[in-house]
Amino acid sequence: MILGGNKMGKALLVIDMQNVFVGKNHNKMFNYNHEELIFNANKLIDSYPEDSVFYIINIMKKNLINIFAPFKVYEGTKEAEIAEEINVVSDLIFKKYKSDAFTNKALLERLRQDNIREVEIIGVDGGGCVANTALGAIRNGFKVVINNQCVGTIFKENVDELNKELKEKGAKFV
């Protein structure tokens, strides 16, 4: 079931749906079922009011450690842009430098300003940034729904433990 948003305190967080991860020229290590993931994500995005859709993009800092990473997501590069296949319905785009989007305090401030109490989270990766953002949302007092039809996971070694923790903390999975 794909749920939709409304103006009743709910927002959609679209995590890391960027060229490097899901775009047509994505890095080959990210072997999600791209067509199904993008189709489901776009359908859900279109079901929300535009001002309730928040896009989170992952940005890497240019440092010695990241020089050796198997992929690059530097600010201002094509890889870092939201994939052109993703429906972008708002200008609510927030950067993150860590796996939890709530490390960006501007995101938290905006959600609170908009009286958001519940977030539905989609994107990549279910064993990384999606789960860690969900944990961050719970720590900040939000109800959390993770829409598995719209989540890509390749970091499968982490997903069972993270999902168990999320369920224990009250997250719902649809």
N, C-alpha and C. Protein backbone atom coordinates (compact mmCIF):
# COMPACT_ATOMS: atom_id res chain seq x y z
N MET A 1 0.85 -1.16 0.00
CA MET A 1 0.00 0.00 0.00
C MET A 1 0.90 1.23 0.00
N ILE A 2 0.64 2.15 -0.88
CA ILE A 2 1.38 3.41 -0.91
C ILE A 2 0.49 4.46 -0.26
N LEU A 3 1.00 5.04 0.82
CA LEU A 3 0.25 6.04 1.56
C LEU A 3 0.54 7.43 1.00
N GLY A 4 -0.32 8.35 1.24
CA GLY A 4 -0.12 9.73 0.79
C GLY A 4 -0.09 10.69 1.95
N GLY A 5 0.39 11.88 1.69
CA GLY A 5 0.50 12.89 2.73
C GLY A 5 -0.67 13.84 2.72
N ASN A 6 -0.68 14.74 3.70
CA ASN A 6 -1.71 15.75 3.79
C ASN A 6 -1.19 16.90 4.62
N LYS A 7 -2.01 17.89 4.83
CA LYS A 7 -1.60 19.05 5.61
C LYS A 7 -1.87 18.84 7.10
N MET A 8 -2.04 17.63 7.49
CA MET A 8 -2.35 17.32 8.88
C MET A 8 -1.10 16.92 9.66
N GLY A 9 0.00 17.59 9.40
CA GLY A 9 1.21 17.35 10.17
C GLY A 9 2.08 16.23 9.67
N LYS A 10 2.00 15.91 8.39
CA LYS A 10 2.78 14.81 7.83
C LYS A 10 3.62 15.29 6.67
N ALA A 11 4.85 14.78 6.57
CA ALA A 11 5.74 15.13 5.46
C ALA A 11 6.39 13.87 4.91
N LEU A 12 6.82 13.98 3.67
CA LEU A 12 7.55 12.92 2.99
C LEU A 12 9.01 13.33 2.90
N LEU A 13 9.91 12.46 3.37
CA LEU A 13 11.34 12.69 3.24
C LEU A 13 11.89 11.75 2.18
N VAL A 14 12.44 12.32 1.12
CA VAL A 14 12.99 11.56 0.00
C VAL A 14 14.51 11.58 0.17
N ILE A 15 15.07 10.43 0.53
CA ILE A 15 16.47 10.35 0.93
C ILE A 15 17.38 9.88 -0.21
N ASP A 16 18.35 10.70 -0.56
CA ASP A 16 19.48 10.35 -1.43
C ASP A 16 19.09 9.79 -2.81
N MET A 17 18.01 10.27 -3.37
CA MET A 17 17.61 9.80 -4.70
C MET A 17 18.37 10.63 -5.76
N GLN A 18 19.67 10.46 -5.75
CA GLN A 18 20.59 11.26 -6.55
C GLN A 18 21.14 10.45 -7.72
N ASN A 19 21.73 11.16 -8.67
CA ASN A 19 22.28 10.50 -9.86
C ASN A 19 23.23 9.36 -9.53
N VAL A 20 24.13 9.56 -8.59
CA VAL A 20 25.13 8.55 -8.29
C VAL A 20 24.51 7.25 -7.77
N PHE A 21 23.36 7.35 -7.12
CA PHE A 21 22.72 6.19 -6.52
C PHE A 21 21.64 5.56 -7.38
N VAL A 22 20.81 6.39 -8.04
CA VAL A 22 19.66 5.85 -8.77
C VAL A 22 19.49 6.41 -10.18
N GLY A 23 20.31 7.35 -10.58
CA GLY A 23 20.19 7.93 -11.91
C GLY A 23 20.56 6.93 -13.00
N LYS A 24 20.28 7.29 -14.24
CA LYS A 24 20.53 6.32 -15.32
C LYS A 24 22.00 5.98 -15.47
N ASN A 25 22.90 6.84 -15.05
CA ASN A 25 24.34 6.54 -15.08
C ASN A 25 24.89 6.34 -13.67
N HIS A 26 24.08 5.71 -12.80
CA HIS A 26 24.47 5.50 -11.40
C HIS A 26 25.74 4.65 -11.30
N ASN A 27 26.41 4.79 -10.17
CA ASN A 27 27.56 3.95 -9.87
C ASN A 27 27.09 2.50 -9.81
N LYS A 28 27.80 1.61 -10.45
CA LYS A 28 27.36 0.21 -10.60
C LYS A 28 27.27 -0.53 -9.27
N MET A 29 27.91 -0.03 -8.22
CA MET A 29 27.77 -0.73 -6.93
C MET A 29 26.36 -0.59 -6.36
N PHE A 30 25.61 0.39 -6.85
CA PHE A 30 24.25 0.62 -6.36
C PHE A 30 23.26 -0.07 -7.31
N ASN A 31 23.12 -1.38 -7.14
CA ASN A 31 22.32 -2.18 -8.06
C ASN A 31 20.91 -2.42 -7.54
N TYR A 32 20.23 -1.32 -7.20
CA TYR A 32 18.83 -1.38 -6.82
C TYR A 32 17.99 -1.76 -8.04
N ASN A 33 16.74 -2.13 -7.82
CA ASN A 33 15.79 -2.26 -8.93
C ASN A 33 15.33 -0.83 -9.22
N HIS A 34 16.13 -0.12 -10.00
CA HIS A 34 15.95 1.32 -10.21
C HIS A 34 14.59 1.68 -10.78
N GLU A 35 14.14 0.95 -11.78
CA GLU A 35 12.87 1.30 -12.43
C GLU A 35 11.71 1.20 -11.46
N GLU A 36 11.64 0.10 -10.72
CA GLU A 36 10.54 -0.08 -9.76
C GLU A 36 10.64 0.93 -8.62
N LEU A 37 11.84 1.14 -8.12
CA LEU A 37 12.05 2.09 -7.03
C LEU A 37 11.64 3.50 -7.44
N ILE A 38 12.06 3.95 -8.60
CA ILE A 38 11.74 5.29 -9.07
C ILE A 38 10.24 5.42 -9.36
N PHE A 39 9.65 4.40 -9.99
CA PHE A 39 8.21 4.42 -10.26
C PHE A 39 7.42 4.57 -8.97
N ASN A 40 7.73 3.72 -7.97
CA ASN A 40 7.00 3.77 -6.70
C ASN A 40 7.24 5.09 -5.96
N ALA A 41 8.48 5.55 -5.98
CA ALA A 41 8.79 6.82 -5.31
C ALA A 41 8.03 7.98 -5.95
N ASN A 42 8.03 8.04 -7.27
CA ASN A 42 7.33 9.13 -7.96
C ASN A 42 5.83 9.09 -7.71
N LYS A 43 5.26 7.90 -7.67
CA LYS A 43 3.83 7.76 -7.38
C LYS A 43 3.52 8.31 -5.99
N LEU A 44 4.37 8.00 -5.03
CA LEU A 44 4.16 8.49 -3.67
C LEU A 44 4.40 10.00 -3.59
N ILE A 45 5.47 10.48 -4.21
CA ILE A 45 5.75 11.92 -4.23
C ILE A 45 4.54 12.68 -4.77
N ASP A 46 3.96 12.19 -5.85
CA ASP A 46 2.81 12.86 -6.49
C ASP A 46 1.56 12.83 -5.62
N SER A 47 1.51 11.94 -4.64
CA SER A 47 0.32 11.86 -3.78
C SER A 47 0.37 12.86 -2.62
N TYR A 48 1.51 13.49 -2.42
CA TYR A 48 1.68 14.45 -1.32
C TYR A 48 1.48 15.88 -1.82
N PRO A 49 1.00 16.76 -0.94
CA PRO A 49 1.02 18.19 -1.29
C PRO A 49 2.48 18.62 -1.51
N GLU A 50 2.69 19.46 -2.49
CA GLU A 50 4.06 19.83 -2.85
C GLU A 50 4.86 20.37 -1.68
N ASP A 51 4.23 21.15 -0.82
CA ASP A 51 4.97 21.75 0.29
C ASP A 51 5.18 20.79 1.46
N SER A 52 4.86 19.51 1.24
CA SER A 52 5.10 18.49 2.26
C SER A 52 6.16 17.49 1.82
N VAL A 53 6.81 17.75 0.68
CA VAL A 53 7.83 16.84 0.15
C VAL A 53 9.20 17.50 0.35
N PHE A 54 10.04 16.81 1.12
CA PHE A 54 11.39 17.27 1.44
C PHE A 54 12.40 16.32 0.80
N TYR A 55 13.36 16.88 0.09
CA TYR A 55 14.40 16.09 -0.55
C TYR A 55 15.69 16.25 0.24
N ILE A 56 16.32 15.13 0.54
CA ILE A 56 17.58 15.14 1.28
C ILE A 56 18.66 14.61 0.34
N ILE A 57 19.74 15.38 0.19
CA ILE A 57 20.83 14.91 -0.67
C ILE A 57 22.09 14.70 0.16
N ASN A 58 22.77 13.63 -0.16
CA ASN A 58 24.00 13.26 0.50
C ASN A 58 25.16 13.97 -0.19
N ILE A 59 25.97 14.66 0.58
CA ILE A 59 27.14 15.36 0.04
C ILE A 59 28.37 14.87 0.80
N MET A 60 29.42 14.55 0.05
CA MET A 60 30.69 14.15 0.66
C MET A 60 31.61 15.36 0.76
N LYS A 61 32.33 15.43 1.84
CA LYS A 61 33.35 16.46 1.97
C LYS A 61 34.59 16.02 1.21
N LYS A 62 35.26 16.98 0.61
CA LYS A 62 36.51 16.66 -0.09
C LYS A 62 37.61 16.58 0.95
N ASN A 63 37.91 15.35 1.34
CA ASN A 63 38.97 15.12 2.31
C ASN A 63 39.73 13.85 1.95
N LEU A 64 40.78 13.57 2.70
CA LEU A 64 41.65 12.44 2.38
C LEU A 64 40.91 11.11 2.38
N ILE A 65 40.01 10.93 3.31
CA ILE A 65 39.26 9.66 3.40
C ILE A 65 38.38 9.48 2.17
N ASN A 66 37.64 10.51 1.79
CA ASN A 66 36.69 10.39 0.69
C ASN A 66 37.35 10.30 -0.68
N ILE A 67 38.59 10.71 -0.78
CA ILE A 67 39.32 10.57 -2.05
C ILE A 67 39.35 9.10 -2.47
N PHE A 68 39.39 8.20 -1.50
CA PHE A 68 39.51 6.77 -1.79
C PHE A 68 38.16 6.05 -1.83
N ALA A 69 37.07 6.77 -1.66
CA ALA A 69 35.74 6.14 -1.71
C ALA A 69 35.46 5.62 -3.12
N PRO A 70 34.68 4.52 -3.23
CA PRO A 70 34.39 3.95 -4.55
C PRO A 70 33.42 4.79 -5.38
N PHE A 71 32.87 5.82 -4.82
CA PHE A 71 32.00 6.75 -5.54
C PHE A 71 32.21 8.13 -4.95
N LYS A 72 31.86 9.15 -5.71
CA LYS A 72 32.04 10.54 -5.26
C LYS A 72 30.71 11.28 -5.36
N VAL A 73 30.38 12.03 -4.32
CA VAL A 73 29.17 12.84 -4.30
C VAL A 73 29.56 14.21 -3.75
N TYR A 74 30.32 14.94 -4.54
CA TYR A 74 30.76 16.25 -4.11
C TYR A 74 29.76 17.31 -4.53
N GLU A 75 29.62 18.33 -3.69
CA GLU A 75 28.70 19.42 -3.97
C GLU A 75 29.02 20.05 -5.32
N GLY A 76 27.96 20.32 -6.09
CA GLY A 76 28.13 20.97 -7.38
C GLY A 76 28.41 20.02 -8.54
N THR A 77 28.46 18.72 -8.27
CA THR A 77 28.72 17.76 -9.35
C THR A 77 27.40 17.14 -9.82
N LYS A 78 27.43 16.60 -11.02
CA LYS A 78 26.26 15.92 -11.59
C LYS A 78 25.83 14.74 -10.71
N GLU A 79 26.79 14.03 -10.15
CA GLU A 79 26.49 12.87 -9.30
C GLU A 79 25.65 13.26 -8.09
N ALA A 80 25.86 14.46 -7.57
CA ALA A 80 25.18 14.89 -6.35
C ALA A 80 23.76 15.40 -6.60
N GLU A 81 23.42 15.67 -7.84
CA GLU A 81 22.09 16.21 -8.15
C GLU A 81 21.02 15.13 -7.98
N ILE A 82 19.81 15.58 -7.64
CA ILE A 82 18.68 14.65 -7.61
C ILE A 82 18.52 14.07 -9.01
N ALA A 83 18.34 12.76 -9.08
CA ALA A 83 18.22 12.09 -10.38
C ALA A 83 17.08 12.70 -11.19
N GLU A 84 17.33 12.92 -12.47
CA GLU A 84 16.32 13.56 -13.31
C GLU A 84 15.05 12.73 -13.44
N GLU A 85 15.13 11.44 -13.14
CA GLU A 85 13.95 10.57 -13.20
C GLU A 85 13.02 10.77 -12.00
N ILE A 86 13.50 11.44 -10.96
CA ILE A 86 12.71 11.67 -9.75
C ILE A 86 11.87 12.93 -9.92
N ASN A 87 10.60 12.84 -9.58
CA ASN A 87 9.72 14.02 -9.62
C ASN A 87 10.12 14.97 -8.50
N VAL A 88 10.54 16.16 -8.88
CA VAL A 88 10.88 17.18 -7.89
C VAL A 88 9.74 18.19 -7.90
N VAL A 89 8.98 18.20 -6.81
CA VAL A 89 7.76 19.02 -6.75
C VAL A 89 7.90 20.21 -5.80
N SER A 90 9.03 20.31 -5.12
CA SER A 90 9.25 21.44 -4.21
C SER A 90 10.72 21.84 -4.24
N ASP A 91 10.98 23.00 -3.67
CA ASP A 91 12.37 23.44 -3.54
C ASP A 91 12.90 23.18 -2.13
N LEU A 92 12.26 22.26 -1.43
CA LEU A 92 12.66 21.89 -0.07
C LEU A 92 13.76 20.83 -0.15
N ILE A 93 14.97 21.29 -0.43
CA ILE A 93 16.12 20.41 -0.62
C ILE A 93 17.13 20.72 0.48
N PHE A 94 17.48 19.69 1.23
CA PHE A 94 18.40 19.83 2.36
C PHE A 94 19.60 18.91 2.16
N LYS A 95 20.78 19.41 2.47
CA LYS A 95 22.01 18.63 2.36
C LYS A 95 22.29 17.93 3.68
N LYS A 96 22.93 16.80 3.54
CA LYS A 96 23.44 16.12 4.74
C LYS A 96 24.84 15.61 4.44
N TYR A 97 25.67 15.60 5.47
CA TYR A 97 27.04 15.12 5.36
C TYR A 97 27.25 13.83 6.14
N LYS A 98 26.22 13.41 6.86
CA LYS A 98 26.23 12.16 7.62
C LYS A 98 24.98 11.39 7.24
N SER A 99 24.89 10.13 7.67
CA SER A 99 23.78 9.29 7.22
C SER A 99 22.43 9.72 7.77
N ASP A 100 22.39 10.39 8.90
CA ASP A 100 21.14 10.85 9.50
C ASP A 100 20.84 12.27 9.00
N ALA A 101 19.75 12.43 8.26
CA ALA A 101 19.39 13.75 7.72
C ALA A 101 19.13 14.76 8.83
N PHE A 102 18.81 14.29 10.03
CA PHE A 102 18.52 15.21 11.13
C PHE A 102 19.78 15.84 11.72
N THR A 103 20.94 15.49 11.19
CA THR A 103 22.16 16.21 11.56
C THR A 103 22.16 17.60 10.91
N ASN A 104 21.28 17.81 9.92
CA ASN A 104 21.08 19.14 9.34
C ASN A 104 19.98 19.82 10.16
N LYS A 105 20.38 20.74 11.01
CA LYS A 105 19.43 21.39 11.91
C LYS A 105 18.39 22.23 11.17
N ALA A 106 18.72 22.69 9.96
CA ALA A 106 17.75 23.47 9.17
C ALA A 106 16.55 22.59 8.79
N LEU A 107 16.78 21.31 8.53
CA LEU A 107 15.67 20.39 8.23
C LEU A 107 14.76 20.28 9.45
N LEU A 108 15.34 20.05 10.60
CA LEU A 108 14.56 19.92 11.83
C LEU A 108 13.76 21.20 12.09
N GLU A 109 14.39 22.35 11.94
CA GLU A 109 13.71 23.63 12.16
C GLU A 109 12.54 23.80 11.21
N ARG A 110 12.72 23.46 9.95
CA ARG A 110 11.65 23.63 8.96
C ARG A 110 10.48 22.69 9.25
N LEU A 111 10.78 21.44 9.59
CA LEU A 111 9.70 20.50 9.92
C LEU A 111 8.90 20.99 11.12
N ARG A 112 9.59 21.50 12.11
CA ARG A 112 8.89 22.02 13.30
C ARG A 112 8.10 23.27 12.96
N GLN A 113 8.68 24.14 12.15
CA GLN A 113 7.98 25.36 11.71
C GLN A 113 6.68 25.01 10.99
N ASP A 114 6.71 23.93 10.21
CA ASP A 114 5.53 23.49 9.45
C ASP A 114 4.59 22.60 10.28
N ASN A 115 4.87 22.48 11.57
CA ASN A 115 4.05 21.66 12.47
C ASN A 115 3.94 20.21 12.04
N ILE A 116 5.03 19.68 11.51
CA ILE A 116 5.07 18.28 11.10
C ILE A 116 5.29 17.42 12.34
N ARG A 117 4.46 16.38 12.47
CA ARG A 117 4.57 15.46 13.59
C ARG A 117 4.92 14.05 13.14
N GLU A 118 4.71 13.78 11.85
CA GLU A 118 4.98 12.44 11.32
C GLU A 118 5.72 12.57 10.00
N VAL A 119 6.73 11.72 9.81
CA VAL A 119 7.45 11.69 8.54
C VAL A 119 7.36 10.30 7.93
N GLU A 120 7.11 10.29 6.64
CA GLU A 120 7.18 9.06 5.86
C GLU A 120 8.51 9.13 5.12
N ILE A 121 9.30 8.07 5.21
CA ILE A 121 10.67 8.10 4.68
C ILE A 121 10.80 7.09 3.56
N ILE A 122 11.39 7.57 2.44
CA ILE A 122 11.66 6.72 1.29
C ILE A 122 13.05 7.05 0.77
N GLY A 123 13.58 6.21 -0.11
CA GLY A 123 14.85 6.50 -0.77
C GLY A 123 15.85 5.38 -0.60
N VAL A 124 17.12 5.76 -0.55
CA VAL A 124 18.20 4.80 -0.42
C VAL A 124 19.13 5.22 0.70
N ASP A 125 19.66 4.39 1.42
CA ASP A 125 19.63 2.94 1.43
C ASP A 125 18.95 2.47 2.71
N GLY A 126 18.15 1.42 2.60
CA GLY A 126 17.44 0.89 3.76
C GLY A 126 18.35 0.38 4.86
N GLY A 127 19.58 0.03 4.52
CA GLY A 127 20.56 -0.43 5.51
C GLY A 127 21.53 0.67 5.90
N GLY A 128 21.18 1.91 5.58
CA GLY A 128 22.07 3.04 5.88
C GLY A 128 21.28 4.30 6.15
N CYS A 129 21.29 5.22 5.19
CA CYS A 129 20.74 6.57 5.40
C CYS A 129 19.25 6.60 5.69
N VAL A 130 18.46 5.74 5.08
CA VAL A 130 17.02 5.71 5.36
C VAL A 130 16.79 5.33 6.82
N ALA A 131 17.41 4.24 7.26
CA ALA A 131 17.24 3.78 8.63
C ALA A 131 17.82 4.78 9.63
N ASN A 132 18.97 5.33 9.35
CA ASN A 132 19.59 6.28 10.28
C ASN A 132 18.80 7.58 10.37
N THR A 133 18.22 8.01 9.26
CA THR A 133 17.34 9.19 9.29
C THR A 133 16.08 8.88 10.09
N ALA A 134 15.54 7.68 9.94
CA ALA A 134 14.36 7.28 10.71
C ALA A 134 14.67 7.30 12.21
N LEU A 135 15.83 6.79 12.59
CA LEU A 135 16.23 6.83 14.00
C LEU A 135 16.39 8.27 14.48
N GLY A 136 16.96 9.12 13.63
CA GLY A 136 17.09 10.54 13.96
C GLY A 136 15.74 11.20 14.13
N ALA A 137 14.79 10.84 13.28
CA ALA A 137 13.43 11.39 13.39
C ALA A 137 12.80 10.99 14.72
N ILE A 138 12.94 9.74 15.09
CA ILE A 138 12.38 9.26 16.36
C ILE A 138 13.04 9.99 17.52
N ARG A 139 14.36 10.14 17.49
CA ARG A 139 15.07 10.86 18.56
C ARG A 139 14.57 12.30 18.70
N ASN A 140 14.10 12.87 17.59
CA ASN A 140 13.61 14.24 17.60
C ASN A 140 12.10 14.34 17.79
N GLY A 141 11.46 13.22 18.15
CA GLY A 141 10.06 13.26 18.54
C GLY A 141 9.04 13.06 17.42
N PHE A 142 9.46 12.63 16.25
CA PHE A 142 8.54 12.41 15.14
C PHE A 142 8.05 10.97 15.13
N LYS A 143 6.80 10.79 14.69
CA LYS A 143 6.32 9.46 14.33
C LYS A 143 6.95 9.14 12.98
N VAL A 144 7.25 7.87 12.76
CA VAL A 144 7.97 7.47 11.55
C VAL A 144 7.25 6.33 10.84
N VAL A 145 7.10 6.49 9.52
CA VAL A 145 6.63 5.44 8.64
C VAL A 145 7.71 5.25 7.58
N ILE A 146 8.13 4.01 7.38
CA ILE A 146 9.07 3.69 6.31
C ILE A 146 8.31 2.91 5.27
N ASN A 147 8.28 3.45 4.05
CA ASN A 147 7.53 2.83 2.97
C ASN A 147 8.46 1.93 2.16
N ASN A 148 8.44 0.62 2.47
CA ASN A 148 9.37 -0.33 1.87
C ASN A 148 9.26 -0.44 0.36
N GLN A 149 8.08 -0.10 -0.21
CA GLN A 149 7.95 -0.14 -1.67
C GLN A 149 8.81 0.92 -2.34
N CYS A 150 9.23 1.90 -1.56
CA CYS A 150 9.98 3.03 -2.09
C CYS A 150 11.35 3.15 -1.44
N VAL A 151 11.88 2.03 -0.94
CA VAL A 151 13.20 2.02 -0.32
C VAL A 151 14.07 1.00 -1.03
N GLY A 152 15.24 1.45 -1.47
CA GLY A 152 16.22 0.54 -2.06
C GLY A 152 17.24 0.16 -1.00
N THR A 153 17.63 -1.12 -1.02
CA THR A 153 18.60 -1.60 -0.02
C THR A 153 19.64 -2.49 -0.69
N ILE A 154 20.89 -2.08 -0.59
CA ILE A 154 21.98 -2.98 -0.97
C ILE A 154 22.85 -3.31 0.23
N PHE A 155 22.81 -2.47 1.27
CA PHE A 155 23.58 -2.73 2.48
C PHE A 155 22.76 -3.65 3.39
N LYS A 156 22.54 -4.86 2.91
CA LYS A 156 21.61 -5.79 3.56
C LYS A 156 22.12 -6.32 4.90
N GLU A 157 23.44 -6.28 5.12
CA GLU A 157 23.98 -6.79 6.38
C GLU A 157 23.51 -5.95 7.58
N ASN A 158 23.11 -4.72 7.35
CA ASN A 158 22.68 -3.83 8.43
C ASN A 158 21.17 -3.77 8.61
N VAL A 159 20.41 -4.12 7.58
CA VAL A 159 19.00 -3.78 7.54
C VAL A 159 18.16 -4.51 8.60
N ASP A 160 18.42 -5.78 8.85
CA ASP A 160 17.59 -6.51 9.82
C ASP A 160 17.73 -5.93 11.23
N GLU A 161 18.96 -5.67 11.63
CA GLU A 161 19.20 -5.12 12.97
C GLU A 161 18.62 -3.71 13.09
N LEU A 162 18.81 -2.88 12.06
CA LEU A 162 18.27 -1.52 12.08
C LEU A 162 16.74 -1.53 12.10
N ASN A 163 16.13 -2.37 11.28
CA ASN A 163 14.67 -2.43 11.24
C ASN A 163 14.09 -2.94 12.56
N LYS A 164 14.76 -3.89 13.19
CA LYS A 164 14.32 -4.38 14.49
C LYS A 164 14.35 -3.24 15.51
N GLU A 165 15.45 -2.48 15.53
CA GLU A 165 15.55 -1.34 16.44
C GLU A 165 14.47 -0.30 16.15
N LEU A 166 14.23 -0.03 14.87
CA LEU A 166 13.21 0.94 14.50
C LEU A 166 11.82 0.50 14.96
N LYS A 167 11.50 -0.76 14.75
CA LYS A 167 10.19 -1.28 15.20
C LYS A 167 10.05 -1.17 16.71
N GLU A 168 11.13 -1.51 17.44
CA GLU A 168 11.10 -1.42 18.90
C GLU A 168 10.86 0.01 19.35
N LYS A 169 11.31 0.99 18.56
CA LYS A 169 11.17 2.40 18.92
C LYS A 169 9.89 3.02 18.35
N GLY A 170 9.06 2.20 17.71
CA GLY A 170 7.75 2.67 17.27
C GLY A 170 7.59 2.98 15.80
N ALA A 171 8.62 2.79 15.00
CA ALA A 171 8.49 3.04 13.54
C ALA A 171 7.54 2.01 12.94
N LYS A 172 6.78 2.47 11.96
CA LYS A 172 5.89 1.57 11.23
C LYS A 172 6.46 1.35 9.84
N PHE A 173 6.27 0.15 9.34
CA PHE A 173 6.71 -0.21 7.99
C PHE A 173 5.48 -0.56 7.16
N VAL A 174 5.39 0.02 5.96
CA VAL A 174 4.29 -0.29 5.05
C VAL A 174 4.85 -0.76 3.74
